[in-house]
Amino acid sequence: MTDGASSERARGARRLRGLATKVGPYLLTAIVVAAILRRYSLGEIVGAMARGHAWALFPIALAFAIIHMLIVSAWDTVVLTSVLGGPRYYDVARVKSGCAVLQSIGYLFNQGAYGTWIARSTGSGVRVAVGLILFTAGSDLAAGSLVATVTIALGRVPVGDLLRFGAPTLFASVMLLLLGQPREPFAETTLAERPGVLRVFRAVPRGRGAVQLFGRILNVVAIILAVWVAANAFGMPLPLRAAFMYVPIIMLVGSLPVNVLGFGPVQGAWLLFTEWVPGPQILAFSIVWNVALLVANLVRGGAFVPRILREVAAGTQPQSARVV
């Protein structure tokens, strides 16, 4: 009786946690939107959209989406090939593009779809795929945290202690986890026999790990420049210095699992720019820019989705992808 009651309580707690995970981001987004609309009226934001050059953002977003995917796929390929011996760069680029579409239409989270493809197409299995995804996602987080740390320090950005001390702490913690582990390359055993997240981390040589991390810092710079170009095209004269100061912080907030398709607390982070730009205008730009990026993702990766779904369903293993 007692064991049954304990099991039922445990199941209830799991259901509650699952519900909180699903509903939490939407609830927090609604709270942030309500708080913003108390300060800035919807009419002000819509008016700022109408006055801005919204259509100018869509070709910029498409060009950025293509260039950024070509860059970031290179660093993912460095990590994957160091452990699996594959897949090819082209396969990584097309799958990441297609999985971004799946995220946009709500089929799966981007990383979930990408990880499923790695597990099924390379035969490496779910746990190894999870380790690889965590390594690449952690590298992106470390790069963003490092750039945010530097910009906060050099630009004397007026942020709270949570970001001022949290960004460097996050960078150091993630770097210790990714590259501080003793290296343990796969040699006489397969990934399937000895899986595990930390083992996957140890399988990435430190040299390759450092190279791809530097590359992801370049990704952050590319994002900053894209936002700066798009803002000025929108008709919002944003100084480049301001973009370098605040975009890394916005990226850091946007990486948290509390935003819904790029909307949520990240909109509050955009208001850091109000020193240079009126609040309604920066909110209008952030909304249009996010929509433009969503459309660009659909255009960039839509053609790859059918093939990705077929590969996941079939569990094929391309010759370019092998388990060492």
Foldseek 3Di string as FASTA:
>chain_A
DVVVVVVVVVVVVVVVVVVCLVCQLVVQLVVVVVVVCVVPPPVLLVVLLVPWPLVVLQVLLLVLVLVLLLLLLVLLQLLQCLFWVDDDSVVSSLLLLQLLLCCLVVVDNSLVLSLLLCCLQQVLHNQLSVLSSCLSLLLLLLLLLVLQQVLCVVVVQPDDPCSNVVSVVSNVVSCCQQQVDAADADDPDWCVVPPHNSNSSNSNDNVSSVVSSVSSNVSLVSVLVSLCVSCVNRVQNQDSSVSSNQVSVLVNVQSDSSHRLSGGCSLVSQCSRCVRPPSSNSSSSSVSNSVSNSVSSCVRRVVSNVVSVVCSVVSHHDPSTYID
